[in-house]
Amino acid sequence: MRPVVSPKPVRTALPAVSAEGEAGALYTAPALEKGLDILELLAGESDSLSQTTIGQRLSRSTAEIFRMLSVLERRGYVARHADGGYRLTLRLFELAHRHPPLKRLLTVALPAMQDLANTTRQSNHLVIHFARRILVVAQVDSPEPMGFAVRLGAHFPFRPDRASSRVLSAFQPAAMQEQLIAELLANGNRAVSAARVRAELAEIAGKGFYMAQSDTAEGVTDLCAPVFDHSEGAVAALTLPYLRQRDVAVSLAAARQALLAAVQRISTALGAPPRRQGRPAA
């Protein structure tokens, strides 16, 4: 499930935006923007980056990057590895889990996820869209001695070959879906037309779930369904990577029904209207 590594474009800082409009005063915080640029850059990397590489990617001087990295390392947001490169720690992940909406989602979802694992004898994981990536915010292992699972905290590019990316995009209002389709196409590692992506998303939305052989793991069938709250679009996707085993009697069809029951249970607890549970957004 490793993303394909390709040359990265030089990242440029975005212009400051005023809440009062173009005619209003501009409020800037250059030091803060440098630190955020570093965090956003490292969030998209699976390997550590050297101080020199970070400076080149962000078009910043070595001295600027050194000061920012020193502060971020001291505060626990980045860590320096033996090779001298820097990587993100789980500090941002920990902060995100303190955020009330995510905390509420996890509080509601985890009991249903545990029941789903016990019923299907398969692992499952909960994914959200975050910073042009999909992030695993909760995960429950299979109770069987063997199984297939995705690590808690794992994150992957928001690409059209990911089951969770497809489901999160399929169950959104039109305007948001177009934004997500643009992300899917920009992050994809193979040429796919927007028309094809829209057709695939429409098919998923019509069914109310996604089921297909995994694009990333042979022998695994991805089952994925949307989780809703009181807002318009899906707030998360619950994925069950179904691994057929000789000693597990639960069929693929039964696992799919259990998954749909789990997302309905979670969505109900989050306040989703009955008409939206397991259905495409209007």
Protein backbone atom coordinates (compact mmCIF):
# COMPACT_ATOMS: atom_id res chain seq x y z
CA MET A 1 0.00 0.00 0.00
CA ARG A 2 3.00 2.28 -0.50
CA PRO A 3 2.34 5.30 -2.71
CA VAL A 4 4.40 5.62 -5.89
CA VAL A 5 7.24 8.06 -5.30
CA SER A 6 7.58 10.78 -7.90
CA PRO A 7 9.48 14.08 -8.09
CA LYS A 8 7.76 16.70 -5.97
CA PRO A 9 7.05 20.22 -7.27
CA VAL A 10 8.40 23.18 -5.39
CA ARG A 11 5.88 24.29 -2.80
CA THR A 12 5.13 28.01 -2.63
CA ALA A 13 3.52 29.84 0.24
CA LEU A 14 -0.06 31.00 -0.28
CA PRO A 15 -0.82 34.72 -0.11
CA ALA A 16 -2.32 36.05 3.07
CA VAL A 17 -6.10 36.41 3.06
CA SER A 18 -8.02 39.09 4.88
CA ALA A 19 -11.33 38.40 6.51
CA GLU A 20 -12.37 41.91 5.47
CA GLY A 21 -11.73 41.31 1.76
CA GLU A 22 -9.10 42.71 -0.58
CA ALA A 23 -9.64 46.25 0.64
CA GLY A 24 -9.18 45.28 4.30
CA ALA A 25 -6.02 44.99 6.33
CA LEU A 26 -3.90 41.89 5.78
CA TYR A 27 -2.82 40.00 8.86
CA THR A 28 0.25 37.85 8.35
CA ALA A 29 2.34 35.65 10.61
CA PRO A 30 5.40 34.65 8.55
CA ALA A 31 6.92 32.42 11.23
CA LEU A 32 3.65 30.55 11.71
CA GLU A 33 3.25 30.11 7.96
CA LYS A 34 6.77 28.65 7.69
CA GLY A 35 6.03 26.15 10.43
CA LEU A 36 2.72 25.14 8.85
CA ASP A 37 4.38 24.76 5.45
CA ILE A 38 6.87 22.31 6.98
CA LEU A 39 4.14 20.29 8.70
CA GLU A 40 2.04 20.11 5.52
CA LEU A 41 5.05 19.05 3.47
CA LEU A 42 6.09 16.28 5.90
CA ALA A 43 2.48 15.07 6.17
CA GLY A 44 2.65 14.02 2.53
CA GLU A 45 5.90 12.07 2.84
CA SER A 46 6.35 8.42 3.78
CA ASP A 47 10.11 8.87 4.27
CA SER A 48 12.11 11.40 6.25
CA LEU A 49 13.36 14.57 4.54
CA SER A 50 16.63 16.32 5.18
CA GLN A 51 16.81 19.96 6.21
CA THR A 52 18.25 20.84 2.80
CA THR A 53 15.47 19.04 0.93
CA ILE A 54 12.78 20.74 3.01
CA GLY A 55 14.33 24.13 2.27
CA GLN A 56 14.44 23.40 -1.46
CA ARG A 57 10.84 22.17 -1.57
CA LEU A 58 9.60 25.27 0.28
CA SER A 59 11.96 27.75 -1.38
CA ARG A 60 13.30 28.75 2.04
CA SER A 61 16.83 29.34 3.26
CA THR A 62 18.64 26.74 5.34
CA ALA A 63 18.75 29.13 8.30
CA GLU A 64 14.96 29.67 8.21
CA ILE A 65 14.27 25.94 8.03
CA PHE A 66 16.75 25.16 10.82
CA ARG A 67 15.03 27.52 13.28
CA MET A 68 11.57 26.20 12.43
CA LEU A 69 12.64 22.56 12.68
CA SER A 70 14.34 23.17 16.01
CA VAL A 71 11.12 24.58 17.49
CA LEU A 72 8.91 21.87 15.98
CA GLU A 73 11.26 19.18 17.28
CA ARG A 74 11.31 20.70 20.76
CA ARG A 75 7.49 20.83 20.81
CA GLY A 76 7.24 17.20 19.68
CA TYR A 77 5.71 17.73 16.23
CA VAL A 78 8.69 16.39 14.27
CA ALA A 79 11.46 13.96 15.12
CA ARG A 80 14.97 13.72 13.75
CA HIS A 81 16.05 10.25 12.70
CA ALA A 82 19.47 8.60 12.62
CA ASP A 83 19.90 9.52 8.94
CA GLY A 84 19.50 13.19 9.81
CA GLY A 85 16.10 13.48 8.17
CA TYR A 86 12.89 14.74 9.76
CA ARG A 87 9.50 13.06 9.97
CA LEU A 88 6.21 13.93 11.60
CA THR A 89 5.48 12.43 15.00
CA LEU A 90 1.98 11.42 16.12
CA ARG A 91 1.55 14.72 17.95
CA LEU A 92 -0.88 16.13 15.37
CA PHE A 93 -2.78 12.83 15.40
CA GLU A 94 -3.10 13.07 19.18
CA LEU A 95 -4.37 16.65 18.94
CA ALA A 96 -6.92 15.67 16.31
CA HIS A 97 -8.32 13.02 18.64
CA ARG A 98 -9.02 15.71 21.23
CA HIS A 99 -11.21 17.59 18.74
CA PRO A 100 -14.85 17.17 19.85
CA PRO A 101 -16.35 16.10 16.46
CA LEU A 102 -13.71 13.41 15.94
CA LYS A 103 -13.89 12.34 19.57
CA ARG A 104 -17.65 11.96 19.22
CA LEU A 105 -17.23 9.93 16.02
CA LEU A 106 -14.79 7.54 17.69
CA THR A 107 -16.89 7.20 20.83
CA VAL A 108 -19.87 6.14 18.74
CA ALA A 109 -18.03 4.09 16.12
CA LEU A 110 -15.71 1.89 18.18
CA PRO A 111 -18.38 -0.28 19.90
CA ALA A 112 -20.07 -0.90 16.54
CA MET A 113 -16.71 -1.68 14.94
CA GLN A 114 -15.88 -4.18 17.68
CA ASP A 115 -19.23 -5.90 17.20
CA LEU A 116 -18.63 -5.95 13.44
CA ALA A 117 -15.27 -7.66 13.90
CA ASN A 118 -16.77 -10.24 16.24
CA THR A 119 -19.64 -10.95 13.85
CA THR A 120 -17.64 -11.17 10.62
CA ARG A 121 -14.34 -12.48 12.04
CA GLN A 122 -12.66 -9.78 9.94
CA SER A 123 -10.82 -6.59 10.81
CA ASN A 124 -12.27 -3.18 9.96
CA HIS A 125 -11.06 0.41 9.99
CA LEU A 126 -12.58 3.89 9.96
CA VAL A 127 -11.21 6.49 7.58
CA ILE A 128 -11.65 10.25 7.20
CA HIS A 129 -10.51 12.71 4.54
CA PHE A 130 -7.78 14.97 5.86
CA ALA A 131 -5.33 17.29 4.05
CA ARG A 132 -5.72 15.59 0.63
CA ARG A 133 -5.17 12.18 2.22
CA ILE A 134 -7.18 9.41 3.83
CA LEU A 135 -6.41 8.87 7.50
CA VAL A 136 -7.20 5.76 9.56
CA VAL A 137 -8.62 7.13 12.83
CA ALA A 138 -9.89 3.85 14.29
CA GLN A 139 -9.12 0.18 13.71
CA VAL A 140 -10.31 -3.13 15.17
CA ASP A 141 -8.49 -6.42 14.58
CA SER A 142 -10.06 -9.69 13.59
CA PRO A 143 -10.58 -12.05 16.55
CA GLU A 144 -9.11 -14.84 14.40
CA PRO A 145 -5.45 -15.89 14.77
CA MET A 146 -4.82 -14.66 11.21
CA GLY A 147 -6.22 -11.70 9.34
CA PHE A 148 -5.55 -8.65 7.22
CA ALA A 149 -5.55 -5.23 8.85
CA VAL A 150 -4.54 -1.62 8.22
CA ARG A 151 -2.52 0.12 10.93
CA LEU A 152 -4.17 2.77 13.12
CA GLY A 153 -2.85 6.19 12.13
CA ALA A 154 -1.85 5.06 8.65
CA HIS A 155 -2.46 7.62 5.92
CA PHE A 156 -2.45 7.34 2.15
CA PRO A 157 -2.86 9.70 -0.81
CA PHE A 158 -6.47 10.50 -1.66
CA ARG A 159 -6.48 8.52 -4.90
CA PRO A 160 -9.16 6.85 -7.04
CA ASP A 161 -7.69 3.38 -6.41
CA ARG A 162 -8.55 3.51 -2.69
CA ALA A 163 -11.90 2.11 -1.56
CA SER A 164 -12.29 4.72 1.18
CA SER A 165 -11.48 7.58 -1.22
CA ARG A 166 -14.17 6.38 -3.60
CA VAL A 167 -16.82 6.09 -0.91
CA LEU A 168 -15.99 9.41 0.75
CA SER A 169 -16.31 11.08 -2.67
CA ALA A 170 -19.43 9.24 -3.81
CA PHE A 171 -21.61 10.35 -0.91
CA GLN A 172 -21.19 14.12 -1.08
CA PRO A 173 -23.23 17.06 -2.35
CA ALA A 174 -22.39 17.99 -5.95
CA ALA A 175 -20.07 20.93 -5.21
CA MET A 176 -18.03 19.04 -2.62
CA GLN A 177 -17.88 15.97 -4.84
CA GLU A 178 -16.36 18.03 -7.65
CA GLN A 179 -13.64 19.26 -5.29
CA LEU A 180 -12.88 15.72 -4.21
CA ILE A 181 -12.82 14.46 -7.80
CA ALA A 182 -10.21 17.13 -8.57
CA GLU A 183 -8.12 15.81 -5.66
CA LEU A 184 -8.52 12.21 -6.82
CA LEU A 185 -7.30 13.08 -10.30
CA ALA A 186 -4.42 15.22 -9.04
CA ASN A 187 -3.19 12.50 -6.66
CA GLY A 188 -3.71 9.53 -8.99
CA ASN A 189 -0.70 7.64 -10.29
CA ARG A 190 -2.35 6.67 -13.58
CA ALA A 191 -4.37 8.52 -16.19
CA VAL A 192 -8.09 8.41 -15.40
CA SER A 193 -10.68 10.74 -16.88
CA ALA A 194 -13.01 12.83 -14.75
CA ALA A 195 -15.96 11.33 -16.60
CA ARG A 196 -14.90 7.81 -15.65
CA VAL A 197 -14.46 8.78 -12.00
CA ARG A 198 -17.90 10.42 -11.93
CA ALA A 199 -19.47 7.29 -13.43
CA GLU A 200 -17.81 5.05 -10.84
CA LEU A 201 -18.90 7.32 -7.98
CA ALA A 202 -22.48 7.38 -9.29
CA GLU A 203 -22.53 3.58 -9.36
CA ILE A 204 -21.26 3.40 -5.75
CA ALA A 205 -23.81 5.98 -4.62
CA GLY A 206 -26.59 4.05 -6.33
CA LYS A 207 -25.68 0.83 -4.50
CA GLY A 208 -25.07 2.51 -1.15
CA PHE A 209 -21.70 0.77 -0.68
CA TYR A 210 -18.52 -0.30 -2.48
CA MET A 211 -17.44 -3.90 -3.00
CA ALA A 212 -14.59 -5.06 -5.23
CA GLN A 213 -11.32 -6.93 -5.26
CA SER A 214 -8.68 -4.83 -3.55
CA ASP A 215 -6.42 -2.81 -5.85
CA THR A 216 -3.59 -3.01 -3.31
CA ALA A 217 -3.74 -6.49 -1.71
CA GLU A 218 -4.30 -9.75 -3.60
CA GLY A 219 -6.87 -12.11 -2.14
CA VAL A 220 -8.72 -9.33 -0.30
CA THR A 221 -12.17 -7.99 -1.17
CA ASP A 222 -12.78 -4.42 -0.06
CA LEU A 223 -16.17 -3.72 1.49
CA CYS A 224 -16.71 -0.05 2.27
CA ALA A 225 -19.73 2.04 3.27
CA PRO A 226 -20.32 5.67 4.27
CA VAL A 227 -20.92 7.06 7.75
CA PHE A 228 -23.18 10.12 8.04
CA ASP A 229 -24.05 12.65 10.69
CA HIS A 230 -26.52 15.55 10.61
CA SER A 231 -24.60 17.31 7.80
CA GLU A 232 -25.06 16.68 4.09
CA GLY A 233 -22.16 14.43 3.10
CA ALA A 234 -20.40 11.37 4.46
CA VAL A 235 -18.11 12.21 7.39
CA ALA A 236 -16.20 8.91 7.32
CA ALA A 237 -15.96 5.59 5.55
CA LEU A 238 -15.95 2.22 7.30
CA THR A 239 -13.93 -0.40 5.44
CA LEU A 240 -13.88 -4.15 5.98
CA PRO A 241 -11.06 -5.86 4.03
CA TYR A 242 -12.56 -9.34 3.63
CA LEU A 243 -10.00 -12.14 3.62
CA ARG A 244 -11.42 -15.55 2.77
CA GLN A 245 -10.16 -18.20 5.20
CA ARG A 246 -10.85 -21.93 5.41
CA ASP A 247 -11.93 -21.83 9.06
CA VAL A 248 -14.11 -18.69 8.85
CA ALA A 249 -17.70 -19.53 7.98
CA VAL A 250 -18.98 -15.97 7.50
CA SER A 251 -19.64 -15.39 3.80
CA LEU A 252 -18.81 -12.25 1.84
CA ALA A 253 -22.53 -11.46 1.51
CA ALA A 254 -23.06 -11.82 5.25
CA ALA A 255 -20.06 -9.60 5.96
CA ARG A 256 -21.47 -6.94 3.64
CA GLN A 257 -24.83 -6.95 5.43
CA ALA A 258 -23.07 -6.71 8.79
CA LEU A 259 -21.04 -3.75 7.53
CA LEU A 260 -24.17 -1.93 6.33
CA ALA A 261 -25.84 -2.55 9.69
CA ALA A 262 -22.78 -1.15 11.47
CA VAL A 263 -22.67 2.09 9.47
CA GLN A 264 -26.41 2.55 9.97
CA ARG A 265 -25.95 2.11 13.72
CA ILE A 266 -23.10 4.63 13.80
CA SER A 267 -24.93 7.13 11.57
CA THR A 268 -28.07 6.94 13.70
CA ALA A 269 -26.07 7.66 16.84
CA LEU A 270 -24.42 10.64 15.11
CA GLY A 271 -27.82 12.14 14.28
CA ALA A 272 -28.14 11.29 10.59
CA PRO A 273 -31.70 11.46 9.23
CA PRO A 274 -33.06 7.97 8.44
CA ARG A 275 -33.38 8.83 4.74
CA ARG A 276 -29.64 9.46 4.49
CA GLN A 277 -28.30 6.35 6.23
CA GLY A 278 -26.67 4.15 3.62
CA ARG A 279 -28.02 6.39 0.85
CA PRO A 280 -26.31 8.88 -1.44
CA ALA A 281 -26.45 12.52 -0.43
CA ALA A 282 -28.94 14.65 -2.31
